[in-house]
Amino acid sequence: MSYSQLGLSQKNAYSRFLSQQRGERALRDLTERTDKDLGALSAAYSQRGLRNSGIQQRGRNEFATTTERSRMDINQAMEDQARLLGLSDANAL
């Protein structure tokens, strides 16, 4: 392995680490925001006298669907980044 290949491998390892950190931070932020927003959503329905109604249930379902899509997008971005860095490592050899 040449010095340039070794340097590229180290850069890719660091890039992989940073990518993982970004993904974990994004997931953590999403979880915190979800908890906060879900409380606000429930409070808003309660203030309007719609607690435990079908309207509230539909709103919560839409909220859950949107949150899960965001979570899946973050996970997919992390997987894509890892795959690209793996390809870069393979090409360096």
Protein backbone atom coordinates (compact mmCIF):
# COMPACT_ATOMS: atom_id res chain seq x y z
CA MET A 1 0.00 0.00 0.00
CA SER A 2 1.52 3.33 -1.01
CA TYR A 3 1.57 6.46 1.11
CA SER A 4 -1.12 8.08 -1.05
CA GLN A 5 -3.38 5.05 -0.62
CA LEU A 6 -2.76 5.04 3.11
CA GLY A 7 -3.62 8.75 3.29
CA LEU A 8 -6.83 8.20 1.31
CA SER A 9 -7.78 5.31 3.58
CA GLN A 10 -7.25 7.48 6.68
CA LYS A 11 -9.28 10.30 5.14
CA ASN A 12 -12.08 7.88 4.33
CA ALA A 13 -12.02 6.49 7.87
CA TYR A 14 -12.29 10.02 9.25
CA SER A 15 -15.04 10.88 6.75
CA ARG A 16 -16.89 7.73 7.79
CA PHE A 17 -16.58 8.75 11.46
CA LEU A 18 -17.87 12.27 10.74
CA SER A 19 -20.73 10.92 8.65
CA GLN A 20 -21.74 8.56 11.44
CA GLN A 21 -21.61 11.42 13.95
CA ARG A 22 -23.79 13.63 11.71
CA GLY A 23 -26.33 10.85 11.27
CA GLU A 24 -26.51 10.10 14.97
CA ARG A 25 -26.88 13.80 15.76
CA ALA A 26 -29.66 14.15 13.19
CA LEU A 27 -31.51 11.17 14.67
CA ARG A 28 -31.08 12.49 18.20
CA ASP A 29 -32.35 15.93 17.15
CA LEU A 30 -35.31 14.35 15.37
CA THR A 31 -36.20 12.36 18.50
CA GLU A 32 -35.99 15.44 20.73
CA ARG A 33 -38.02 17.53 18.30
CA THR A 34 -40.59 14.75 17.95
CA ASP A 35 -41.11 14.49 21.69
CA LYS A 36 -41.53 18.26 21.98
CA ASP A 37 -43.81 18.58 18.95
CA LEU A 38 -45.99 15.63 19.95
CA GLY A 39 -46.68 17.27 23.31
CA ALA A 40 -47.59 20.53 21.59
CA LEU A 41 -49.83 18.68 19.12
CA SER A 42 -51.71 16.93 21.92
CA ALA A 43 -52.09 20.20 23.82
CA ALA A 44 -53.45 21.97 20.74
CA TYR A 45 -56.15 19.32 20.24
CA SER A 46 -57.03 19.37 23.95
CA GLN A 47 -57.43 23.16 23.92
CA ARG A 48 -59.94 22.83 21.12
CA GLY A 49 -61.91 20.12 22.88
CA LEU A 50 -60.84 17.48 20.37
CA ARG A 51 -58.94 15.23 22.76
CA ASN A 52 -59.34 11.53 21.91
CA SER A 53 -61.30 12.39 18.77
CA GLY A 54 -60.93 10.94 15.31
CA ILE A 55 -59.54 14.27 14.16
CA GLN A 56 -56.81 14.10 16.77
CA GLN A 57 -56.06 10.48 15.88
CA ARG A 58 -55.71 11.38 12.20
CA GLY A 59 -53.38 14.27 13.09
CA ARG A 60 -51.25 12.02 15.27
CA ASN A 61 -51.10 9.40 12.53
CA GLU A 62 -49.94 11.99 9.99
CA PHE A 63 -47.38 13.28 12.49
CA ALA A 64 -46.08 9.75 13.10
CA THR A 65 -45.89 9.03 9.37
CA THR A 66 -43.95 12.23 8.69
CA THR A 67 -41.58 11.53 11.57
CA GLU A 68 -40.95 7.97 10.43
CA ARG A 69 -40.26 9.14 6.88
CA SER A 70 -37.73 11.63 8.23
CA ARG A 71 -36.08 8.90 10.28
CA MET A 72 -35.91 6.62 7.24
CA ASP A 73 -34.42 9.44 5.14
CA ILE A 74 -31.68 10.03 7.71
CA ASN A 75 -30.88 6.31 7.91
CA GLN A 76 -30.81 6.05 4.12
CA ALA A 77 -28.43 9.02 3.88
CA MET A 78 -26.13 7.37 6.42
CA GLU A 79 -26.17 4.11 4.47
CA ASP A 80 -25.52 5.90 1.17
CA GLN A 81 -22.57 7.78 2.64
CA ALA A 82 -21.10 4.58 4.08
CA ARG A 83 -21.53 2.83 0.73
CA LEU A 84 -19.80 5.68 -1.12
CA LEU A 85 -16.89 5.67 1.28
CA GLY A 86 -16.64 1.88 0.97
CA LEU A 87 -16.45 2.24 -2.81
CA SER A 88 -13.81 4.92 -2.43
CA ASP A 89 -11.76 2.58 -0.21
CA ALA A 90 -12.11 -0.23 -2.76
CA ASN A 91 -11.02 2.04 -5.61
CA ALA A 92 -7.97 3.17 -3.67
CA LEU A 93 -6.61 -0.36 -3.57
